[in-house]
């Protein structure tokens, strides 16, 4: 099992990224929560990983924090949940937000994530209730985040929490990339842009 990789970030096109580790390019799939904490292309990056082996492929998934990887692994244990839906859930809600949704048994909020229907959301909420302690324990035992959360990442998480779909939020924030300002200012500008007539 590959526990983590460290190398130069050479490709960054969500949800795919490539990390050059000693001359070998590792293709990795990562949730949006990790993408928003990544450094610029050409910088060194360290990602915790999870390897999924299928008949036709070996797929490496990368995470910026121990909590994200622990939640991903717990989601894979839910019946009929594969890596694609687990990645979508991590892209659509933070680990803390997910924990809150499960505790409140709010399956309706999970259906706002692309690819997660009502039955899937209900199954996730029901089966994850008992597994949340394992995710929390893993998070406590784990290392600190690999990189500080960016203001864009915080704004993205907040807008998703407000009920916007992840893809909509990405489009809302795209024109503001690199514009600077606090998380609150980014959120305000993104909301103003979304309310403007097209």
N, C-alpha and C. Protein backbone atom coordinates (compact mmCIF):
# COMPACT_ATOMS: atom_id res chain seq x y z
N UNK A 1 0.84 -1.19 0.00
CA UNK A 1 0.00 0.00 0.00
C UNK A 1 0.88 1.25 0.00
N UNK A 2 0.50 2.24 -0.79
CA UNK A 2 1.22 3.51 -0.84
C UNK A 2 0.56 4.44 0.17
N UNK A 3 1.30 4.83 1.21
CA UNK A 3 0.73 5.66 2.28
C UNK A 3 0.69 7.14 1.94
N UNK A 4 1.74 7.63 1.27
CA UNK A 4 1.76 9.03 0.85
C UNK A 4 2.75 9.17 -0.29
N UNK A 5 2.62 10.26 -1.03
CA UNK A 5 3.61 10.59 -2.04
C UNK A 5 4.05 12.03 -1.83
N UNK A 6 5.31 12.30 -2.15
CA UNK A 6 5.83 13.67 -2.06
C UNK A 6 6.65 13.94 -3.30
N UNK A 7 6.40 15.02 -3.95
CA UNK A 7 7.13 15.35 -5.16
C UNK A 7 6.67 16.67 -5.73
N UNK A 8 7.01 16.90 -7.00
CA UNK A 8 6.68 18.16 -7.66
C UNK A 8 5.33 18.04 -8.35
N UNK A 9 4.45 18.99 -8.10
CA UNK A 9 3.13 19.03 -8.73
C UNK A 9 3.30 19.49 -10.17
N UNK A 10 2.92 18.64 -11.13
CA UNK A 10 3.12 19.01 -12.54
C UNK A 10 1.82 19.20 -13.32
N UNK A 11 0.73 18.56 -12.87
CA UNK A 11 -0.57 18.75 -13.53
C UNK A 11 -1.63 18.93 -12.46
N UNK A 12 -2.53 19.91 -12.69
CA UNK A 12 -3.57 20.20 -11.71
C UNK A 12 -4.86 20.53 -12.46
N UNK A 13 -5.62 19.50 -12.85
CA UNK A 13 -6.88 19.69 -13.56
C UNK A 13 -7.95 18.84 -12.87
N UNK A 14 -8.75 19.44 -11.96
CA UNK A 14 -9.70 18.68 -11.15
C UNK A 14 -10.53 17.70 -11.96
N UNK A 15 -10.72 16.46 -11.45
CA UNK A 15 -10.22 15.95 -10.17
C UNK A 15 -8.85 15.27 -10.29
N UNK A 16 -8.16 15.45 -11.44
CA UNK A 16 -6.88 14.77 -11.66
C UNK A 16 -5.70 15.67 -11.37
N UNK A 17 -4.65 15.08 -10.82
CA UNK A 17 -3.39 15.79 -10.70
C UNK A 17 -2.26 14.78 -10.89
N UNK A 18 -1.11 15.28 -11.27
CA UNK A 18 0.06 14.43 -11.47
C UNK A 18 1.20 14.97 -10.62
N UNK A 19 1.84 14.06 -9.88
CA UNK A 19 2.96 14.43 -9.03
C UNK A 19 4.20 13.69 -9.52
N UNK A 20 5.26 14.45 -9.80
CA UNK A 20 6.54 13.88 -10.24
C UNK A 20 7.33 13.49 -9.01
N UNK A 21 7.47 12.18 -8.79
CA UNK A 21 8.22 11.66 -7.64
C UNK A 21 9.48 10.99 -8.17
N UNK A 22 10.60 11.71 -8.11
CA UNK A 22 11.87 11.15 -8.57
C UNK A 22 11.84 10.72 -10.03
N UNK A 23 11.17 11.48 -10.88
CA UNK A 23 11.13 11.17 -12.30
C UNK A 23 9.99 10.26 -12.72
N UNK A 24 9.17 9.80 -11.77
CA UNK A 24 7.99 8.99 -12.08
C UNK A 24 6.74 9.83 -11.82
N UNK A 25 5.87 9.95 -12.82
CA UNK A 25 4.65 10.74 -12.66
C UNK A 25 3.51 9.91 -12.11
N UNK A 26 3.05 10.23 -10.93
CA UNK A 26 1.91 9.53 -10.33
C UNK A 26 0.64 10.31 -10.64
N UNK A 27 -0.30 9.65 -11.34
CA UNK A 27 -1.62 10.25 -11.57
C UNK A 27 -2.47 9.98 -10.34
N UNK A 28 -3.07 11.04 -9.82
CA UNK A 28 -3.84 10.95 -8.58
C UNK A 28 -5.19 11.63 -8.78
N UNK A 29 -6.24 11.06 -8.20
CA UNK A 29 -7.54 11.73 -8.18
C UNK A 29 -7.75 12.27 -6.77
N UNK A 30 -8.23 13.50 -6.68
CA UNK A 30 -8.38 14.14 -5.37
C UNK A 30 -9.69 14.90 -5.30
N UNK A 31 -10.25 15.03 -4.08
CA UNK A 31 -11.48 15.82 -3.92
C UNK A 31 -11.17 17.32 -4.04
N UNK A 32 -12.20 18.11 -4.30
CA UNK A 32 -12.01 19.55 -4.44
C UNK A 32 -11.47 20.17 -3.15
N UNK A 33 -11.83 19.61 -2.01
CA UNK A 33 -11.33 20.15 -0.74
C UNK A 33 -9.80 20.10 -0.70
N UNK A 34 -9.21 19.08 -1.31
CA UNK A 34 -7.75 18.98 -1.38
C UNK A 34 -7.21 19.93 -2.45
N UNK A 35 -7.91 20.03 -3.59
CA UNK A 35 -7.43 20.89 -4.67
C UNK A 35 -7.24 22.33 -4.22
N UNK A 36 -8.15 22.81 -3.39
CA UNK A 36 -8.06 24.21 -2.97
C UNK A 36 -6.93 24.47 -1.99
N UNK A 37 -6.26 23.43 -1.50
CA UNK A 37 -5.12 23.63 -0.59
C UNK A 37 -3.80 23.38 -1.31
N UNK A 38 -3.86 23.00 -2.60
CA UNK A 38 -2.63 22.67 -3.32
C UNK A 38 -1.81 23.92 -3.65
N UNK A 39 -0.48 23.77 -3.65
CA UNK A 39 0.37 24.89 -4.06
C UNK A 39 0.35 25.05 -5.58
N UNK A 40 1.09 26.02 -6.09
CA UNK A 40 1.16 26.26 -7.53
C UNK A 40 1.88 25.10 -8.23
N UNK A 41 1.61 24.95 -9.52
CA UNK A 41 2.30 23.93 -10.32
C UNK A 41 3.80 24.21 -10.27
N UNK A 42 4.58 23.15 -10.10
CA UNK A 42 6.04 23.29 -9.98
C UNK A 42 6.51 23.27 -8.54
N UNK A 43 5.56 23.41 -7.59
CA UNK A 43 5.91 23.39 -6.17
C UNK A 43 5.91 21.96 -5.65
N UNK A 44 6.57 21.77 -4.50
CA UNK A 44 6.54 20.45 -3.88
C UNK A 44 5.23 20.26 -3.14
N UNK A 45 4.70 19.04 -3.21
CA UNK A 45 3.44 18.72 -2.55
C UNK A 45 3.57 17.36 -1.87
N UNK A 46 2.86 17.19 -0.77
CA UNK A 46 2.81 15.90 -0.08
C UNK A 46 1.35 15.55 0.11
N UNK A 47 0.97 14.36 -0.38
CA UNK A 47 -0.41 13.92 -0.28
C UNK A 47 -0.50 12.56 0.38
N UNK A 48 -1.46 12.40 1.28
CA UNK A 48 -1.77 11.08 1.82
C UNK A 48 -2.55 10.35 0.73
N UNK A 49 -2.37 9.06 0.60
CA UNK A 49 -2.98 8.36 -0.52
C UNK A 49 -3.75 7.11 -0.11
N UNK A 50 -4.62 6.69 -1.02
CA UNK A 50 -5.35 5.43 -0.88
C UNK A 50 -5.37 4.79 -2.27
N UNK A 51 -4.92 3.55 -2.38
CA UNK A 51 -4.86 2.85 -3.66
C UNK A 51 -6.06 1.92 -3.81
N UNK A 52 -6.79 2.09 -4.91
CA UNK A 52 -7.92 1.21 -5.22
C UNK A 52 -7.50 0.34 -6.41
N UNK A 53 -7.56 -0.98 -6.23
CA UNK A 53 -7.17 -1.90 -7.29
C UNK A 53 -8.43 -2.53 -7.88
N UNK A 54 -8.59 -2.31 -9.20
CA UNK A 54 -9.70 -2.93 -9.93
C UNK A 54 -9.13 -3.86 -10.98
N UNK A 55 -9.99 -4.62 -11.64
CA UNK A 55 -9.53 -5.54 -12.69
C UNK A 55 -8.82 -4.79 -13.81
N UNK A 56 -9.35 -3.61 -14.15
CA UNK A 56 -8.83 -2.89 -15.30
C UNK A 56 -7.94 -1.70 -14.96
N UNK A 57 -7.75 -1.41 -13.67
CA UNK A 57 -6.94 -0.23 -13.33
C UNK A 57 -6.52 -0.23 -11.86
N UNK A 58 -5.41 0.45 -11.60
CA UNK A 58 -4.98 0.77 -10.23
C UNK A 58 -5.11 2.28 -10.12
N UNK A 59 -5.97 2.75 -9.23
CA UNK A 59 -6.24 4.18 -9.12
C UNK A 59 -5.79 4.69 -7.76
N UNK A 60 -4.98 5.76 -7.80
CA UNK A 60 -4.45 6.36 -6.58
C UNK A 60 -5.28 7.61 -6.25
N UNK A 61 -5.78 7.67 -5.02
CA UNK A 61 -6.54 8.83 -4.56
C UNK A 61 -5.69 9.60 -3.57
N UNK A 62 -5.70 10.93 -3.67
CA UNK A 62 -4.85 11.75 -2.80
C UNK A 62 -5.66 12.70 -1.94
N UNK A 63 -5.14 12.96 -0.73
CA UNK A 63 -5.86 13.78 0.24
C UNK A 63 -4.89 14.71 0.97
N UNK A 64 -5.36 15.91 1.26
CA UNK A 64 -4.52 16.88 1.96
C UNK A 64 -4.46 16.64 3.45
N UNK A 65 -5.46 15.96 4.01
CA UNK A 65 -5.48 15.75 5.46
C UNK A 65 -5.82 14.30 5.81
N UNK A 66 -5.43 13.93 7.01
CA UNK A 66 -5.73 12.60 7.54
C UNK A 66 -7.25 12.40 7.66
N UNK A 67 -7.96 13.48 8.03
CA UNK A 67 -9.42 13.40 8.21
C UNK A 67 -10.11 13.06 6.90
N UNK A 68 -9.67 13.70 5.79
CA UNK A 68 -10.28 13.43 4.49
C UNK A 68 -10.08 11.97 4.09
N UNK A 69 -8.86 11.47 4.27
CA UNK A 69 -8.60 10.09 3.88
C UNK A 69 -9.40 9.11 4.75
N UNK A 70 -9.49 9.40 6.05
CA UNK A 70 -10.24 8.53 6.96
C UNK A 70 -11.71 8.49 6.57
N UNK A 71 -12.29 9.64 6.21
CA UNK A 71 -13.69 9.68 5.80
C UNK A 71 -13.87 8.94 4.48
N UNK A 72 -12.96 9.13 3.53
CA UNK A 72 -13.02 8.42 2.25
C UNK A 72 -13.04 6.91 2.47
N UNK A 73 -12.14 6.43 3.32
CA UNK A 73 -12.06 4.98 3.59
C UNK A 73 -13.33 4.48 4.28
N UNK A 74 -13.90 5.28 5.16
CA UNK A 74 -15.14 4.88 5.83
C UNK A 74 -16.31 4.83 4.85
N UNK A 75 -16.34 5.79 3.93
CA UNK A 75 -17.42 5.82 2.94
C UNK A 75 -17.36 4.60 2.03
N UNK A 76 -16.15 4.13 1.72
CA UNK A 76 -16.02 2.96 0.85
C UNK A 76 -16.62 1.70 1.49
N UNK A 77 -16.76 1.72 2.82
CA UNK A 77 -17.33 0.56 3.53
C UNK A 77 -18.85 0.57 3.52
N UNK A 78 -19.44 1.69 3.08
CA UNK A 78 -20.90 1.77 2.98
C UNK A 78 -21.33 0.98 1.75
N UNK A 79 -22.37 0.15 1.89
CA UNK A 79 -22.80 -0.69 0.77
C UNK A 79 -23.18 0.16 -0.45
N UNK A 80 -22.70 -0.28 -1.60
CA UNK A 80 -22.95 0.35 -2.90
C UNK A 80 -22.35 1.75 -3.05
N UNK A 81 -21.35 2.08 -2.23
CA UNK A 81 -20.64 3.34 -2.39
C UNK A 81 -19.24 3.03 -2.90
N UNK A 82 -18.93 3.55 -4.09
CA UNK A 82 -17.60 3.34 -4.66
C UNK A 82 -16.76 4.59 -4.52
N UNK A 83 -15.52 4.53 -5.00
CA UNK A 83 -14.61 5.68 -4.89
C UNK A 83 -15.15 6.95 -5.54
N UNK A 84 -15.88 6.81 -6.67
CA UNK A 84 -16.37 7.99 -7.37
C UNK A 84 -17.36 8.78 -6.51
N UNK A 85 -18.31 8.08 -5.89
CA UNK A 85 -19.28 8.78 -5.04
C UNK A 85 -18.62 9.28 -3.76
N UNK A 86 -17.70 8.49 -3.20
CA UNK A 86 -16.98 8.94 -2.00
C UNK A 86 -16.22 10.23 -2.28
N UNK A 87 -15.60 10.32 -3.46
CA UNK A 87 -14.86 11.53 -3.85
C UNK A 87 -15.82 12.70 -4.04
N UNK A 88 -16.99 12.43 -4.63
CA UNK A 88 -18.00 13.48 -4.84
C UNK A 88 -18.48 14.03 -3.50
N UNK A 89 -18.69 13.14 -2.52
CA UNK A 89 -19.14 13.58 -1.20
C UNK A 89 -18.08 14.47 -0.55
N UNK A 90 -16.81 14.04 -0.63
CA UNK A 90 -15.72 14.84 -0.06
C UNK A 90 -15.56 16.18 -0.78
N UNK A 91 -15.90 16.20 -2.07
CA UNK A 91 -15.82 17.45 -2.83
C UNK A 91 -16.99 18.37 -2.49
N UNK A 92 -18.10 17.79 -2.06
CA UNK A 92 -19.31 18.58 -1.82
C UNK A 92 -19.50 19.07 -0.41
N UNK A 93 -18.78 18.47 0.54
CA UNK A 93 -18.96 18.87 1.93
C UNK A 93 -17.67 18.61 2.71
N UNK A 94 -17.36 19.46 3.67
CA UNK A 94 -16.16 19.27 4.48
C UNK A 94 -16.36 18.09 5.43
N UNK A 95 -15.28 17.61 6.00
CA UNK A 95 -15.37 16.49 6.96
C UNK A 95 -16.25 16.90 8.13
N UNK A 96 -16.06 18.13 8.63
CA UNK A 96 -16.85 18.62 9.76
C UNK A 96 -18.32 18.73 9.37
N UNK A 97 -18.57 19.26 8.15
CA UNK A 97 -19.94 19.40 7.66
C UNK A 97 -20.63 18.06 7.51
N UNK A 98 -19.87 17.07 7.00
CA UNK A 98 -20.43 15.73 6.82
C UNK A 98 -20.80 15.13 8.18
N UNK A 99 -19.91 15.28 9.15
CA UNK A 99 -20.17 14.77 10.50
C UNK A 99 -21.46 15.36 11.06
N UNK A 100 -21.64 16.67 10.86
CA UNK A 100 -22.85 17.34 11.34
C UNK A 100 -24.09 16.80 10.64
N UNK A 101 -24.01 16.62 9.32
CA UNK A 101 -25.17 16.10 8.56
C UNK A 101 -25.58 14.72 9.05
N UNK A 102 -24.59 13.87 9.32
CA UNK A 102 -24.89 12.51 9.78
C UNK A 102 -25.51 12.56 11.17
N UNK A 103 -24.94 13.39 12.05
CA UNK A 103 -25.48 13.49 13.42
C UNK A 103 -26.91 14.01 13.41
N UNK A 104 -27.21 14.92 12.47
CA UNK A 104 -28.56 15.48 12.36
C UNK A 104 -29.47 14.59 11.49
N UNK A 105 -28.87 13.53 10.91
CA UNK A 105 -29.58 12.62 9.99
C UNK A 105 -30.21 13.41 8.84
N UNK A 106 -29.45 14.37 8.31
CA UNK A 106 -29.92 15.24 7.23
C UNK A 106 -29.51 14.67 5.87
N UNK A 107 -30.23 13.65 5.42
CA UNK A 107 -29.89 13.03 4.14
C UNK A 107 -30.24 13.96 2.97
N UNK A 108 -31.21 14.85 3.16
CA UNK A 108 -31.63 15.76 2.08
C UNK A 108 -30.46 16.65 1.64
N UNK A 109 -29.64 17.09 2.59
CA UNK A 109 -28.51 17.96 2.23
C UNK A 109 -27.51 17.22 1.35
N UNK A 110 -27.33 15.92 1.59
CA UNK A 110 -26.38 15.14 0.78
C UNK A 110 -26.86 14.98 -0.65
N UNK A 111 -28.19 15.03 -0.88
CA UNK A 111 -28.70 14.85 -2.25
C UNK A 111 -28.34 16.03 -3.14
N UNK A 112 -27.85 17.13 -2.57
CA UNK A 112 -27.42 18.28 -3.38
C UNK A 112 -26.08 18.02 -4.05
N UNK A 113 -25.40 16.96 -3.62
CA UNK A 113 -24.10 16.61 -4.21
C UNK A 113 -24.35 15.81 -5.48
N UNK A 114 -23.73 16.19 -6.61
CA UNK A 114 -23.95 15.44 -7.86
C UNK A 114 -23.62 13.96 -7.69
N UNK A 115 -24.52 13.10 -8.19
CA UNK A 115 -24.29 11.66 -8.13
C UNK A 115 -24.86 10.99 -6.89
N UNK A 116 -25.36 11.80 -5.94
CA UNK A 116 -25.91 11.24 -4.70
C UNK A 116 -27.43 11.42 -4.71
N UNK A 117 -28.13 10.30 -4.92
CA UNK A 117 -29.59 10.33 -4.93
C UNK A 117 -30.14 10.15 -3.52
N UNK A 118 -31.48 10.16 -3.42
CA UNK A 118 -32.13 10.08 -2.11
C UNK A 118 -31.79 8.78 -1.38
N UNK A 119 -31.90 7.64 -2.08
CA UNK A 119 -31.65 6.35 -1.43
C UNK A 119 -30.19 6.23 -0.99
N UNK A 120 -29.28 6.71 -1.85
CA UNK A 120 -27.85 6.66 -1.50
C UNK A 120 -27.58 7.53 -0.27
N UNK A 121 -28.15 8.73 -0.26
CA UNK A 121 -27.95 9.65 0.87
C UNK A 121 -28.47 9.03 2.17
N UNK A 122 -29.65 8.42 2.10
CA UNK A 122 -30.23 7.79 3.30
C UNK A 122 -29.35 6.64 3.79
N UNK A 123 -28.82 5.85 2.85
CA UNK A 123 -27.96 4.73 3.22
C UNK A 123 -26.67 5.23 3.87
N UNK A 124 -26.09 6.28 3.28
CA UNK A 124 -24.85 6.85 3.83
C UNK A 124 -25.07 7.35 5.25
N UNK A 125 -26.15 8.10 5.47
CA UNK A 125 -26.44 8.65 6.80
C UNK A 125 -26.65 7.52 7.81
N UNK A 126 -27.39 6.49 7.38
CA UNK A 126 -27.70 5.39 8.30
C UNK A 126 -26.42 4.59 8.66
N UNK A 127 -25.65 4.24 7.63
CA UNK A 127 -24.48 3.38 7.87
C UNK A 127 -23.30 4.13 8.48
N UNK A 128 -23.22 5.44 8.26
CA UNK A 128 -22.07 6.19 8.78
C UNK A 128 -22.23 6.61 10.23
N UNK A 129 -23.44 6.51 10.78
CA UNK A 129 -23.63 6.91 12.18
C UNK A 129 -22.66 6.18 13.11
N UNK A 130 -22.52 4.86 12.89
CA UNK A 130 -21.65 4.06 13.76
C UNK A 130 -20.18 4.22 13.42
N UNK A 131 -19.90 4.72 12.22
CA UNK A 131 -18.50 4.80 11.79
C UNK A 131 -17.86 6.16 12.07
N UNK A 132 -18.66 7.14 12.46
CA UNK A 132 -18.12 8.48 12.68
C UNK A 132 -17.05 8.50 13.76
N UNK A 133 -17.20 7.66 14.79
CA UNK A 133 -16.20 7.63 15.85
C UNK A 133 -14.85 7.20 15.30
N UNK A 134 -14.86 6.24 14.37
CA UNK A 134 -13.61 5.77 13.77
C UNK A 134 -12.95 6.88 12.97
N UNK A 135 -13.75 7.67 12.25
CA UNK A 135 -13.20 8.80 11.48
C UNK A 135 -12.60 9.82 12.43
N UNK A 136 -13.32 10.12 13.53
CA UNK A 136 -12.83 11.10 14.51
C UNK A 136 -11.54 10.62 15.16
N UNK A 137 -11.50 9.34 15.54
CA UNK A 137 -10.29 8.80 16.18
C UNK A 137 -9.11 8.86 15.24
N UNK A 138 -9.35 8.55 13.97
CA UNK A 138 -8.27 8.59 12.97
C UNK A 138 -7.78 10.02 12.79
N UNK A 139 -8.72 10.96 12.81
CA UNK A 139 -8.35 12.37 12.64
C UNK A 139 -7.51 12.86 13.81
N UNK A 140 -7.88 12.43 15.02
CA UNK A 140 -7.13 12.85 16.21
C UNK A 140 -5.72 12.29 16.17
N UNK A 141 -5.60 11.03 15.74
CA UNK A 141 -4.30 10.37 15.71
C UNK A 141 -3.44 10.85 14.54
N UNK A 142 -4.08 11.46 13.54
CA UNK A 142 -3.38 11.81 12.31
C UNK A 142 -2.52 13.04 12.41
N UNK A 143 -1.80 13.27 11.33
CA UNK A 143 -0.93 14.43 11.24
C UNK A 143 -1.77 15.67 10.98
N UNK A 144 -1.21 16.86 11.19
CA UNK A 144 -1.93 18.08 10.85
C UNK A 144 -2.09 18.20 9.33
N UNK A 145 -2.97 19.09 8.85
CA UNK A 145 -3.14 19.23 7.42
C UNK A 145 -1.81 19.49 6.72
N UNK A 146 -1.72 19.05 5.46
CA UNK A 146 -0.48 19.18 4.69
C UNK A 146 -0.21 20.63 4.32
N UNK A 147 -1.28 21.41 4.20
CA UNK A 147 -1.12 22.81 3.82
C UNK A 147 -2.26 23.59 4.43
N UNK A 148 -2.05 24.88 4.74
CA UNK A 148 -3.13 25.67 5.30
C UNK A 148 -4.25 25.84 4.27
N UNK A 149 -5.48 25.92 4.76
CA UNK A 149 -6.61 26.10 3.84
C UNK A 149 -6.50 27.47 3.18
N UNK A 150 -6.74 27.53 1.88
CA UNK A 150 -6.68 28.80 1.18
C UNK A 150 -7.99 29.53 1.37
N UNK A 151 -7.97 30.85 1.10
CA UNK A 151 -9.22 31.61 1.22
C UNK A 151 -10.22 31.12 0.17
N UNK A 152 -9.72 30.74 -1.04
CA UNK A 152 -10.63 30.20 -2.06
C UNK A 152 -11.29 28.91 -1.57
N UNK A 153 -10.50 28.06 -0.92
CA UNK A 153 -11.03 26.79 -0.40
C UNK A 153 -12.08 27.02 0.68
N UNK A 154 -11.79 27.98 1.57
CA UNK A 154 -12.76 28.28 2.63
C UNK A 154 -14.04 28.85 2.04
N UNK A 155 -13.90 29.72 1.04
CA UNK A 155 -15.07 30.31 0.40
C UNK A 155 -15.88 29.23 -0.31
N UNK A 156 -15.18 28.29 -0.98
CA UNK A 156 -15.84 27.20 -1.70
C UNK A 156 -16.67 26.36 -0.73
N UNK A 157 -16.05 25.98 0.40
CA UNK A 157 -16.74 25.16 1.40
C UNK A 157 -17.96 25.89 1.95
N UNK A 158 -17.80 27.19 2.22
CA UNK A 158 -18.91 27.97 2.78
C UNK A 158 -20.07 28.07 1.80
N UNK A 159 -19.77 28.28 0.51
CA UNK A 159 -20.84 28.40 -0.48
C UNK A 159 -21.57 27.07 -0.68
N UNK A 160 -20.83 25.97 -0.64
CA UNK A 160 -21.47 24.65 -0.73
C UNK A 160 -22.37 24.44 0.49
N UNK A 161 -21.89 24.88 1.66
CA UNK A 161 -22.68 24.76 2.89
C UNK A 161 -23.97 25.60 2.79
N UNK A 162 -23.92 26.67 2.00
CA UNK A 162 -25.11 27.50 1.81
C UNK A 162 -26.13 26.84 0.87
N UNK A 163 -25.72 25.73 0.24
CA UNK A 163 -26.68 25.01 -0.59
C UNK A 163 -26.39 25.04 -2.08
N UNK A 164 -25.33 25.75 -2.50
CA UNK A 164 -24.99 25.74 -3.92
C UNK A 164 -24.33 24.42 -4.28
N UNK A 165 -24.53 23.97 -5.53
CA UNK A 165 -23.90 22.73 -5.98
C UNK A 165 -22.40 22.99 -6.19
N UNK A 166 -21.54 21.96 -5.90
CA UNK A 166 -20.10 22.14 -6.06
C UNK A 166 -19.69 22.71 -7.41
N UNK A 167 -20.30 22.21 -8.50
CA UNK A 167 -19.94 22.70 -9.84
C UNK A 167 -20.31 24.18 -9.99
N UNK A 168 -21.46 24.59 -9.41
CA UNK A 168 -21.88 26.00 -9.48
C UNK A 168 -20.88 26.88 -8.73
N UNK A 169 -20.45 26.40 -7.57
CA UNK A 169 -19.52 27.17 -6.74
C UNK A 169 -18.19 27.35 -7.47
N UNK A 170 -17.72 26.28 -8.12
CA UNK A 170 -16.47 26.37 -8.87
C UNK A 170 -16.57 27.45 -9.94
N UNK A 171 -17.72 27.50 -10.65
CA UNK A 171 -17.94 28.52 -11.68
C UNK A 171 -18.03 29.92 -11.06
N UNK A 172 -18.67 30.02 -9.89
CA UNK A 172 -18.82 31.32 -9.23
C UNK A 172 -17.47 31.89 -8.80
N UNK A 173 -16.56 30.99 -8.38
CA UNK A 173 -15.27 31.45 -7.87
C UNK A 173 -14.21 31.60 -8.95
N UNK A 174 -14.43 30.97 -10.11
CA UNK A 174 -13.42 30.99 -11.18
C UNK A 174 -12.99 32.42 -11.56
N UNK A 175 -13.94 33.38 -11.78
CA UNK A 175 -13.52 34.73 -12.16
C UNK A 175 -12.76 35.46 -11.04
N UNK A 176 -12.87 34.96 -9.82
CA UNK A 176 -12.25 35.64 -8.67
C UNK A 176 -10.89 35.06 -8.29
N UNK A 177 -10.45 34.01 -9.02
CA UNK A 177 -9.20 33.32 -8.67
C UNK A 177 -8.04 34.30 -8.66
N UNK A 178 -7.28 34.29 -7.58
CA UNK A 178 -6.10 35.15 -7.46
C UNK A 178 -6.41 36.61 -7.22
N UNK A 179 -7.68 36.95 -6.97
CA UNK A 179 -8.05 38.36 -6.79
C UNK A 179 -7.74 38.87 -5.39
N UNK A 180 -7.40 37.96 -4.49
CA UNK A 180 -7.05 38.36 -3.12
C UNK A 180 -8.28 38.67 -2.28
N UNK A 181 -8.02 39.16 -1.08
CA UNK A 181 -9.11 39.48 -0.18
C UNK A 181 -9.36 38.36 0.82
N UNK A 182 -10.19 38.66 1.80
CA UNK A 182 -10.51 37.68 2.84
C UNK A 182 -11.54 36.69 2.32
N UNK A 183 -11.76 35.63 3.08
CA UNK A 183 -12.77 34.62 2.71
C UNK A 183 -14.14 35.28 2.59
N UNK A 184 -14.47 36.16 3.54
CA UNK A 184 -15.78 36.83 3.54
C UNK A 184 -15.97 37.68 2.30
N UNK A 185 -14.89 38.40 1.89
CA UNK A 185 -14.99 39.24 0.69
C UNK A 185 -15.20 38.38 -0.55
N UNK A 186 -14.48 37.26 -0.63
CA UNK A 186 -14.64 36.34 -1.78
C UNK A 186 -16.07 35.82 -1.86
N UNK A 187 -16.62 35.43 -0.72
CA UNK A 187 -17.99 34.91 -0.69
C UNK A 187 -18.97 35.99 -1.15
N UNK A 188 -18.79 37.21 -0.64
CA UNK A 188 -19.68 38.31 -1.00
C UNK A 188 -19.62 38.59 -2.50
N UNK A 189 -18.38 38.64 -3.06
CA UNK A 189 -18.23 38.92 -4.49
C UNK A 189 -18.81 37.78 -5.34
N UNK A 190 -18.63 36.53 -4.89
CA UNK A 190 -19.15 35.38 -5.64
C UNK A 190 -20.68 35.42 -5.66
N UNK A 191 -21.29 35.76 -4.51
CA UNK A 191 -22.75 35.85 -4.42
C UNK A 191 -23.29 36.99 -5.27
N UNK A 192 -22.58 38.12 -5.25
CA UNK A 192 -23.00 39.25 -6.08
C UNK A 192 -22.95 38.89 -7.55
N UNK A 193 -21.88 38.16 -7.94
CA UNK A 193 -21.75 37.74 -9.35
C UNK A 193 -22.84 36.77 -9.74
N UNK A 194 -23.24 35.88 -8.82
CA UNK A 194 -24.27 34.89 -9.11
C UNK A 194 -25.64 35.54 -9.26
N UNK A 195 -25.85 36.66 -8.56
CA UNK A 195 -27.16 37.32 -8.59
C UNK A 195 -27.31 38.27 -9.78
N UNK A 196 -26.17 38.61 -10.43
CA UNK A 196 -26.23 39.50 -11.59
C UNK A 196 -26.92 38.78 -12.75
N UNK A 197 -27.80 39.48 -13.49
CA UNK A 197 -28.42 38.85 -14.67
C UNK A 197 -27.36 38.54 -15.72
N UNK A 198 -27.48 37.38 -16.36
CA UNK A 198 -26.48 36.95 -17.35
C UNK A 198 -26.76 37.64 -18.68
